[in-house]
Amino acid sequence: SICHGSSRDICFMRSGKEVELDTRWSVTLVRDGGAWKVA
C-alpha cells in the first residue's frame, strides 16, 4: 500500500526556542510477517 501526507513538526532547539517546521512525507508499506511495516 502507499500513502502521502504532511506534518507540522515542533523542533525544540538547544537554545530553548521552539520552531515549527512544515514537512511532507510519502510512504510505501508492505505486509511483513503478517503485519504492516514501512518499506
All heavy atoms as atom14 arrays in JSON, in Angstrom:
{
  "sequence": "SICHGSSRDICFMRSGKEVELDTRWSVTLVRDGGAWKVA",
  "atom14_mask": [
    [1, 1, 1, 1, 1, 1, 0, 0, 0, 0, 0, 0, 0, 0],
    [1, 1, 1, 1, 1, 1, 1, 1, 0, 0, 0, 0, 0, 0],
    [1, 1, 1, 1, 1, 1, 0, 0, 0, 0, 0, 0, 0, 0],
    [1, 1, 1, 1, 1, 1, 1, 1, 1, 1, 0, 0, 0, 0],
    [1, 1, 1, 1, 0, 0, 0, 0, 0, 0, 0, 0, 0, 0],
    [1, 1, 1, 1, 1, 1, 0, 0, 0, 0, 0, 0, 0, 0],
    [1, 1, 1, 1, 1, 1, 0, 0, 0, 0, 0, 0, 0, 0],
    [1, 1, 1, 1, 1, 1, 1, 1, 1, 1, 1, 0, 0, 0],
    [1, 1, 1, 1, 1, 1, 1, 1, 0, 0, 0, 0, 0, 0],
    [1, 1, 1, 1, 1, 1, 1, 1, 0, 0, 0, 0, 0, 0],
    [1, 1, 1, 1, 1, 1, 0, 0, 0, 0, 0, 0, 0, 0],
    [1, 1, 1, 1, 1, 1, 1, 1, 1, 1, 1, 0, 0, 0],
    [1, 1, 1, 1, 1, 1, 1, 1, 0, 0, 0, 0, 0, 0],
    [1, 1, 1, 1, 1, 1, 1, 1, 1, 1, 1, 0, 0, 0],
    [1, 1, 1, 1, 1, 1, 0, 0, 0, 0, 0, 0, 0, 0],
    [1, 1, 1, 1, 0, 0, 0, 0, 0, 0, 0, 0, 0, 0],
    [1, 1, 1, 1, 1, 1, 1, 1, 1, 0, 0, 0, 0, 0],
    [1, 1, 1, 1, 1, 1, 1, 1, 1, 0, 0, 0, 0, 0],
    [1, 1, 1, 1, 1, 1, 1, 0, 0, 0, 0, 0, 0, 0],
    [1, 1, 1, 1, 1, 1, 1, 1, 1, 0, 0, 0, 0, 0],
    [1, 1, 1, 1, 1, 1, 1, 1, 0, 0, 0, 0, 0, 0],
    [1, 1, 1, 1, 1, 1, 1, 1, 0, 0, 0, 0, 0, 0],
    [1, 1, 1, 1, 1, 1, 1, 0, 0, 0, 0, 0, 0, 0],
    [1, 1, 1, 1, 1, 1, 1, 1, 1, 1, 1, 0, 0, 0],
    [1, 1, 1, 1, 1, 1, 1, 1, 1, 1, 1, 1, 1, 1],
    [1, 1, 1, 1, 1, 1, 0, 0, 0, 0, 0, 0, 0, 0],
    [1, 1, 1, 1, 1, 1, 1, 0, 0, 0, 0, 0, 0, 0],
    [1, 1, 1, 1, 1, 1, 1, 0, 0, 0, 0, 0, 0, 0],
    [1, 1, 1, 1, 1, 1, 1, 1, 0, 0, 0, 0, 0, 0],
    [1, 1, 1, 1, 1, 1, 1, 0, 0, 0, 0, 0, 0, 0],
    [1, 1, 1, 1, 1, 1, 1, 1, 1, 1, 1, 0, 0, 0],
    [1, 1, 1, 1, 1, 1, 1, 1, 0, 0, 0, 0, 0, 0],
    [1, 1, 1, 1, 0, 0, 0, 0, 0, 0, 0, 0, 0, 0],
    [1, 1, 1, 1, 0, 0, 0, 0, 0, 0, 0, 0, 0, 0],
    [1, 1, 1, 1, 1, 0, 0, 0, 0, 0, 0, 0, 0, 0],
    [1, 1, 1, 1, 1, 1, 1, 1, 1, 1, 1, 1, 1, 1],
    [1, 1, 1, 1, 1, 1, 1, 1, 1, 0, 0, 0, 0, 0],
    [1, 1, 1, 1, 1, 1, 1, 0, 0, 0, 0, 0, 0, 0],
    [1, 1, 1, 1, 1, 0, 0, 0, 0, 0, 0, 0, 0, 0]
  ],
  "atom14_positions": [
    [[0.85, -1.19, 0.0], [0.0, 0.0, 0.0], [0.88, 1.24, 0.0], [2.06, 1.19, 0.36], [-0.94, 0.01, 1.21], [-0.2, 0.15, 2.41], [0.0, 0.0, 0.0], [0.0, 0.0, 0.0], [0.0, 0.0, 0.0], [0.0, 0.0, 0.0], [0.0, 0.0, 0.0], [0.0, 0.0, 0.0], [0.0, 0.0, 0.0], [0.0, 0.0, 0.0]],
    [[0.29, 2.37, -0.41], [1.01, 3.63, -0.44], [0.14, 4.73, 0.16], [-1.09, 4.62, 0.21], [1.41, 4.03, -1.88], [0.17, 4.15, -2.77], [2.41, 3.04, -2.46], [0.46, 4.67, -4.17], [0.0, 0.0, 0.0], [0.0, 0.0, 0.0], [0.0, 0.0, 0.0], [0.0, 0.0, 0.0], [0.0, 0.0, 0.0], [0.0, 0.0, 0.0]],
    [[0.79, 5.8, 0.6], [0.07, 6.95, 1.13], [1.02, 8.15, 1.14], [2.25, 7.99, 1.01], [-0.44, 6.67, 2.55], [-1.68, 7.89, 3.14], [0.0, 0.0, 0.0], [0.0, 0.0, 0.0], [0.0, 0.0, 0.0], [0.0, 0.0, 0.0], [0.0, 0.0, 0.0], [0.0, 0.0, 0.0], [0.0, 0.0, 0.0], [0.0, 0.0, 0.0]],
    [[0.46, 9.34, 1.26], [1.28, 10.54, 1.4], [0.53, 11.55, 2.26], [-0.69, 11.47, 2.42], [1.65, 11.14, 0.04], [0.46, 11.52, -0.81], [-0.25, 12.68, -0.64], [-0.14, 10.86, -1.83], [-1.23, 12.74, -1.53], [-1.19, 11.64, -2.27], [0.0, 0.0, 0.0], [0.0, 0.0, 0.0], [0.0, 0.0, 0.0], [0.0, 0.0, 0.0]],
    [[1.27, 12.49, 2.84], [0.62, 13.46, 3.71], [1.57, 14.54, 4.16], [2.59, 14.81, 3.51], [0.0, 0.0, 0.0], [0.0, 0.0, 0.0], [0.0, 0.0, 0.0], [0.0, 0.0, 0.0], [0.0, 0.0, 0.0], [0.0, 0.0, 0.0], [0.0, 0.0, 0.0], [0.0, 0.0, 0.0], [0.0, 0.0, 0.0], [0.0, 0.0, 0.0]],
    [[1.24, 15.15, 5.29], [2.02, 16.28, 5.8], [2.22, 16.13, 7.3], [1.61, 15.28, 7.95], [1.31, 17.6, 5.49], [0.04, 17.63, 6.16], [0.0, 0.0, 0.0], [0.0, 0.0, 0.0], [0.0, 0.0, 0.0], [0.0, 0.0, 0.0], [0.0, 0.0, 0.0], [0.0, 0.0, 0.0], [0.0, 0.0, 0.0], [0.0, 0.0, 0.0]],
    [[3.07, 16.99, 7.84], [3.3, 17.0, 9.28], [3.72, 18.4, 9.71], [4.5, 19.06, 9.01], [4.39, 16.0, 9.67], [4.66, 16.08, 11.06], [0.0, 0.0, 0.0], [0.0, 0.0, 0.0], [0.0, 0.0, 0.0], [0.0, 0.0, 0.0], [0.0, 0.0, 0.0], [0.0, 0.0, 0.0], [0.0, 0.0, 0.0], [0.0, 0.0, 0.0]],
    [[3.2, 18.88, 10.81], [3.65, 20.12, 11.43], [4.55, 19.71, 12.59], [4.08, 19.33, 13.66], [2.44, 20.95, 11.89], [2.79, 22.16, 12.73], [3.62, 23.18, 11.99], [2.93, 23.75, 10.86], [2.17, 24.84, 10.9], [1.98, 25.45, 12.06], [1.6, 25.31, 9.8], [0.0, 0.0, 0.0], [0.0, 0.0, 0.0], [0.0, 0.0, 0.0]],
    [[5.85, 19.76, 12.36], [6.82, 19.34, 13.36], [7.18, 20.5, 14.28], [7.35, 21.64, 13.82], [8.1, 18.82, 12.69], [7.83, 17.58, 11.85], [6.81, 16.91, 12.09], [8.65, 17.28, 10.96], [0.0, 0.0, 0.0], [0.0, 0.0, 0.0], [0.0, 0.0, 0.0], [0.0, 0.0, 0.0], [0.0, 0.0, 0.0], [0.0, 0.0, 0.0]],
    [[7.32, 20.21, 15.55], [7.79, 21.2, 16.52], [9.22, 20.82, 16.9], [9.46, 19.75, 17.46], [6.89, 21.26, 17.76], [5.45, 21.59, 17.36], [7.43, 22.29, 18.75], [4.48, 21.58, 18.53], [0.0, 0.0, 0.0], [0.0, 0.0, 0.0], [0.0, 0.0, 0.0], [0.0, 0.0, 0.0], [0.0, 0.0, 0.0], [0.0, 0.0, 0.0]],
    [[10.16, 21.68, 16.56], [11.57, 21.44, 16.84], [11.95, 22.16, 18.13], [11.8, 23.39, 18.22], [12.44, 21.94, 15.69], [12.01, 21.24, 14.08], [0.0, 0.0, 0.0], [0.0, 0.0, 0.0], [0.0, 0.0, 0.0], [0.0, 0.0, 0.0], [0.0, 0.0, 0.0], [0.0, 0.0, 0.0], [0.0, 0.0, 0.0], [0.0, 0.0, 0.0]],
    [[12.46, 21.43, 19.09], [12.9, 22.01, 20.35], [14.4, 22.26, 20.26], [15.2, 21.32, 20.25], [12.56, 21.07, 21.51], [11.08, 20.78, 21.63], [10.54, 19.63, 21.07], [10.24, 21.67, 22.28], [9.18, 19.36, 21.17], [8.89, 21.41, 22.39], [8.35, 20.26, 21.83], [0.0, 0.0, 0.0], [0.0, 0.0, 0.0], [0.0, 0.0, 0.0]],
    [[14.78, 23.54, 20.16], [16.16, 23.92, 19.93], [16.97, 23.85, 21.22], [16.43, 23.96, 22.33], [16.23, 25.34, 19.35], [15.28, 25.61, 18.2], [15.53, 24.5, 16.8], [17.19, 24.97, 16.32], [0.0, 0.0, 0.0], [0.0, 0.0, 0.0], [0.0, 0.0, 0.0], [0.0, 0.0, 0.0], [0.0, 0.0, 0.0], [0.0, 0.0, 0.0]],
    [[18.26, 23.69, 21.05], [19.16, 23.65, 22.2], [19.14, 24.98, 22.97], [19.36, 25.03, 24.18], [20.58, 23.33, 21.75], [21.56, 23.07, 22.87], [22.87, 22.54, 22.33], [22.69, 21.23, 21.73], [22.67, 20.09, 22.41], [22.8, 20.11, 23.72], [22.51, 18.94, 21.8], [0.0, 0.0, 0.0], [0.0, 0.0, 0.0], [0.0, 0.0, 0.0]],
    [[18.82, 26.07, 22.27], [18.77, 27.39, 22.9], [17.52, 27.57, 23.77], [17.41, 28.55, 24.49], [18.78, 28.48, 21.82], [17.6, 28.41, 21.04], [0.0, 0.0, 0.0], [0.0, 0.0, 0.0], [0.0, 0.0, 0.0], [0.0, 0.0, 0.0], [0.0, 0.0, 0.0], [0.0, 0.0, 0.0], [0.0, 0.0, 0.0], [0.0, 0.0, 0.0]],
    [[16.57, 26.62, 23.66], [15.33, 26.74, 24.41], [14.15, 27.2, 23.57], [13.01, 27.16, 24.03], [0.0, 0.0, 0.0], [0.0, 0.0, 0.0], [0.0, 0.0, 0.0], [0.0, 0.0, 0.0], [0.0, 0.0, 0.0], [0.0, 0.0, 0.0], [0.0, 0.0, 0.0], [0.0, 0.0, 0.0], [0.0, 0.0, 0.0], [0.0, 0.0, 0.0]],
    [[14.42, 27.64, 22.33], [13.35, 28.08, 21.46], [12.63, 26.89, 20.84], [13.18, 25.79, 20.76], [13.9, 28.98, 20.36], [14.4, 30.33, 20.86], [14.79, 31.22, 19.7], [15.24, 32.6, 20.18], [14.12, 33.34, 20.77], [0.0, 0.0, 0.0], [0.0, 0.0, 0.0], [0.0, 0.0, 0.0], [0.0, 0.0, 0.0], [0.0, 0.0, 0.0]],
    [[11.39, 27.11, 20.41], [10.62, 26.11, 19.69], [10.33, 26.64, 18.28], [9.88, 27.77, 18.12], [9.3, 25.81, 20.4], [9.48, 25.18, 21.77], [8.15, 24.85, 22.44], [7.11, 24.95, 21.74], [8.16, 24.5, 23.62], [0.0, 0.0, 0.0], [0.0, 0.0, 0.0], [0.0, 0.0, 0.0], [0.0, 0.0, 0.0], [0.0, 0.0, 0.0]],
    [[10.62, 25.83, 17.29], [10.45, 26.22, 15.9], [9.51, 25.23, 15.22], [9.68, 24.02, 15.34], [11.81, 26.24, 15.16], [11.62, 26.63, 13.7], [12.77, 27.19, 15.85], [0.0, 0.0, 0.0], [0.0, 0.0, 0.0], [0.0, 0.0, 0.0], [0.0, 0.0, 0.0], [0.0, 0.0, 0.0], [0.0, 0.0, 0.0], [0.0, 0.0, 0.0]],
    [[8.53, 25.74, 14.51], [7.61, 24.88, 13.76], [8.13, 24.7, 12.33], [8.56, 25.66, 11.68], [6.2, 25.49, 13.72], [5.51, 25.47, 15.07], [4.06, 25.91, 14.98], [3.65, 26.38, 13.89], [3.34, 25.79, 15.98], [0.0, 0.0, 0.0], [0.0, 0.0, 0.0], [0.0, 0.0, 0.0], [0.0, 0.0, 0.0], [0.0, 0.0, 0.0]],
    [[8.08, 23.47, 11.87], [8.58, 23.13, 10.54], [7.54, 22.29, 9.82], [7.16, 21.22, 10.3], [9.9, 22.37, 10.65], [10.6, 22.02, 9.34], [11.07, 23.29, 8.62], [11.79, 21.09, 9.6], [0.0, 0.0, 0.0], [0.0, 0.0, 0.0], [0.0, 0.0, 0.0], [0.0, 0.0, 0.0], [0.0, 0.0, 0.0], [0.0, 0.0, 0.0]],
    [[7.06, 22.77, 8.68], [6.1, 22.01, 7.87], [6.85, 21.06, 6.96], [7.75, 21.47, 6.21], [5.23, 22.96, 7.03], [4.28, 23.78, 7.89], [3.75, 23.23, 8.87], [4.08, 24.97, 7.58], [0.0, 0.0, 0.0], [0.0, 0.0, 0.0], [0.0, 0.0, 0.0], [0.0, 0.0, 0.0], [0.0, 0.0, 0.0], [0.0, 0.0, 0.0]],
    [[6.48, 19.78, 7.02], [7.13, 18.78, 6.17], [6.09, 18.01, 5.38], [4.9, 18.0, 5.7], [7.95, 17.78, 7.02], [7.08, 17.12, 7.95], [9.04, 18.49, 7.79], [0.0, 0.0, 0.0], [0.0, 0.0, 0.0], [0.0, 0.0, 0.0], [0.0, 0.0, 0.0], [0.0, 0.0, 0.0], [0.0, 0.0, 0.0], [0.0, 0.0, 0.0]],
    [[6.56, 17.37, 4.32], [5.74, 16.48, 3.51], [6.36, 15.08, 3.57], [7.58, 14.94, 3.71], [5.69, 16.94, 2.05], [5.16, 18.35, 1.85], [3.68, 18.42, 2.0], [3.0, 17.47, 1.14], [1.71, 17.14, 1.26], [0.97, 17.68, 2.22], [1.14, 16.28, 0.44], [0.0, 0.0, 0.0], [0.0, 0.0, 0.0], [0.0, 0.0, 0.0]],
    [[5.53, 14.05, 3.46], [6.04, 12.69, 3.51], [5.27, 11.79, 2.55], [4.12, 12.06, 2.22], [5.97, 12.11, 4.92], [4.62, 12.16, 5.57], [4.12, 13.14, 6.36], [3.56, 11.18, 5.44], [2.84, 12.85, 6.74], [2.47, 11.66, 6.19], [3.44, 9.97, 4.77], [1.26, 10.94, 6.29], [2.25, 9.27, 4.86], [1.17, 9.75, 5.62]],
    [[5.92, 10.75, 2.11], [5.28, 9.7, 1.31], [5.83, 8.36, 1.79], [6.98, 8.26, 2.22], [5.58, 9.88, -0.19], [6.97, 9.88, -0.44], [0.0, 0.0, 0.0], [0.0, 0.0, 0.0], [0.0, 0.0, 0.0], [0.0, 0.0, 0.0], [0.0, 0.0, 0.0], [0.0, 0.0, 0.0], [0.0, 0.0, 0.0], [0.0, 0.0, 0.0]],
    [[4.98, 7.34, 1.76], [5.36, 6.07, 2.35], [4.84, 4.9, 1.51], [3.78, 4.99, 0.89], [4.81, 5.96, 3.81], [3.28, 5.94, 3.82], [5.36, 4.75, 4.52], [0.0, 0.0, 0.0], [0.0, 0.0, 0.0], [0.0, 0.0, 0.0], [0.0, 0.0, 0.0], [0.0, 0.0, 0.0], [0.0, 0.0, 0.0], [0.0, 0.0, 0.0]],
    [[5.63, 3.85, 1.48], [5.22, 2.57, 0.91], [5.25, 1.53, 2.02], [6.26, 1.38, 2.71], [6.15, 2.13, -0.23], [6.14, 3.12, -1.26], [5.7, 0.79, -0.81], [0.0, 0.0, 0.0], [0.0, 0.0, 0.0], [0.0, 0.0, 0.0], [0.0, 0.0, 0.0], [0.0, 0.0, 0.0], [0.0, 0.0, 0.0], [0.0, 0.0, 0.0]],
    [[4.13, 0.84, 2.2], [4.01, -0.18, 3.25], [3.92, -1.56, 2.62], [3.39, -1.73, 1.53], [2.77, 0.08, 4.11], [2.63, 1.45, 4.75], [1.31, 1.54, 5.51], [3.8, 1.75, 5.68], [0.0, 0.0, 0.0], [0.0, 0.0, 0.0], [0.0, 0.0, 0.0], [0.0, 0.0, 0.0], [0.0, 0.0, 0.0], [0.0, 0.0, 0.0]],
    [[4.45, -2.55, 3.34], [4.35, -3.94, 2.9], [3.89, -4.79, 4.09], [4.14, -4.44, 5.24], [5.68, -4.48, 2.34], [6.09, -3.73, 1.08], [6.79, -4.39, 3.4], [0.0, 0.0, 0.0], [0.0, 0.0, 0.0], [0.0, 0.0, 0.0], [0.0, 0.0, 0.0], [0.0, 0.0, 0.0], [0.0, 0.0, 0.0], [0.0, 0.0, 0.0]],
    [[3.25, -5.88, 3.76], [2.89, -6.83, 4.81], [4.08, -7.75, 5.04], [4.49, -8.49, 4.16], [1.65, -7.64, 4.41], [0.94, -8.29, 5.6], [-0.14, -9.26, 5.13], [-1.15, -8.59, 4.33], [-2.23, -7.99, 4.82], [-2.43, -7.97, 6.12], [-3.13, -7.43, 4.03], [0.0, 0.0, 0.0], [0.0, 0.0, 0.0], [0.0, 0.0, 0.0]],
    [[4.66, -7.65, 6.22], [5.89, -8.36, 6.54], [5.66, -9.2, 7.79], [5.42, -8.66, 8.87], [7.03, -7.35, 6.76], [8.38, -8.01, 6.93], [8.47, -9.24, 6.83], [9.37, -7.29, 7.16], [0.0, 0.0, 0.0], [0.0, 0.0, 0.0], [0.0, 0.0, 0.0], [0.0, 0.0, 0.0], [0.0, 0.0, 0.0], [0.0, 0.0, 0.0]],
    [[5.7, -10.51, 7.64], [5.45, -11.38, 8.78], [4.04, -11.26, 9.31], [3.81, -11.42, 10.52], [0.0, 0.0, 0.0], [0.0, 0.0, 0.0], [0.0, 0.0, 0.0], [0.0, 0.0, 0.0], [0.0, 0.0, 0.0], [0.0, 0.0, 0.0], [0.0, 0.0, 0.0], [0.0, 0.0, 0.0], [0.0, 0.0, 0.0], [0.0, 0.0, 0.0]],
    [[3.09, -10.96, 8.42], [1.69, -10.86, 8.81], [1.29, -9.49, 9.32], [0.11, -9.26, 9.61], [0.0, 0.0, 0.0], [0.0, 0.0, 0.0], [0.0, 0.0, 0.0], [0.0, 0.0, 0.0], [0.0, 0.0, 0.0], [0.0, 0.0, 0.0], [0.0, 0.0, 0.0], [0.0, 0.0, 0.0], [0.0, 0.0, 0.0], [0.0, 0.0, 0.0]],
    [[2.25, -8.55, 9.44], [1.96, -7.2, 9.95], [2.41, -6.16, 8.94], [3.37, -6.37, 8.19], [2.66, -6.98, 11.29], [0.0, 0.0, 0.0], [0.0, 0.0, 0.0], [0.0, 0.0, 0.0], [0.0, 0.0, 0.0], [0.0, 0.0, 0.0], [0.0, 0.0, 0.0], [0.0, 0.0, 0.0], [0.0, 0.0, 0.0], [0.0, 0.0, 0.0]],
    [[1.73, -5.02, 8.93], [2.11, -3.93, 8.04], [3.35, -3.23, 8.56], [3.44, -2.9, 9.75], [0.97, -2.93, 7.88], [-0.15, -3.45, 7.04], [-1.34, -3.95, 7.47], [-0.17, -3.53, 5.61], [-2.1, -4.34, 6.4], [-1.42, -4.09, 5.25], [0.72, -3.18, 4.61], [-1.78, -4.31, 3.91], [0.38, -3.4, 3.27], [-0.87, -3.96, 2.94]],
    [[4.34, -3.02, 7.68], [5.6, -2.38, 8.02], [5.95, -1.33, 6.97], [5.49, -1.38, 5.84], [6.73, -3.42, 8.1], [6.48, -4.57, 9.07], [6.71, -4.16, 10.51], [6.62, -5.36, 11.45], [6.91, -4.99, 12.86], [0.0, 0.0, 0.0], [0.0, 0.0, 0.0], [0.0, 0.0, 0.0], [0.0, 0.0, 0.0], [0.0, 0.0, 0.0]],
    [[6.8, -0.41, 7.36], [7.26, 0.63, 6.44], [8.43, 0.1, 5.62], [9.47, -0.28, 6.18], [7.7, 1.89, 7.22], [8.28, 2.94, 6.26], [6.53, 2.47, 8.0], [0.0, 0.0, 0.0], [0.0, 0.0, 0.0], [0.0, 0.0, 0.0], [0.0, 0.0, 0.0], [0.0, 0.0, 0.0], [0.0, 0.0, 0.0], [0.0, 0.0, 0.0]],
    [[8.29, 0.09, 4.3], [9.38, -0.32, 3.42], [10.12, 0.89, 2.86], [11.33, 0.85, 2.66], [8.84, -1.17, 2.27], [0.0, 0.0, 0.0], [0.0, 0.0, 0.0], [0.0, 0.0, 0.0], [0.0, 0.0, 0.0], [0.0, 0.0, 0.0], [0.0, 0.0, 0.0], [0.0, 0.0, 0.0], [0.0, 0.0, 0.0], [0.0, 0.0, 0.0]]
  ]
}
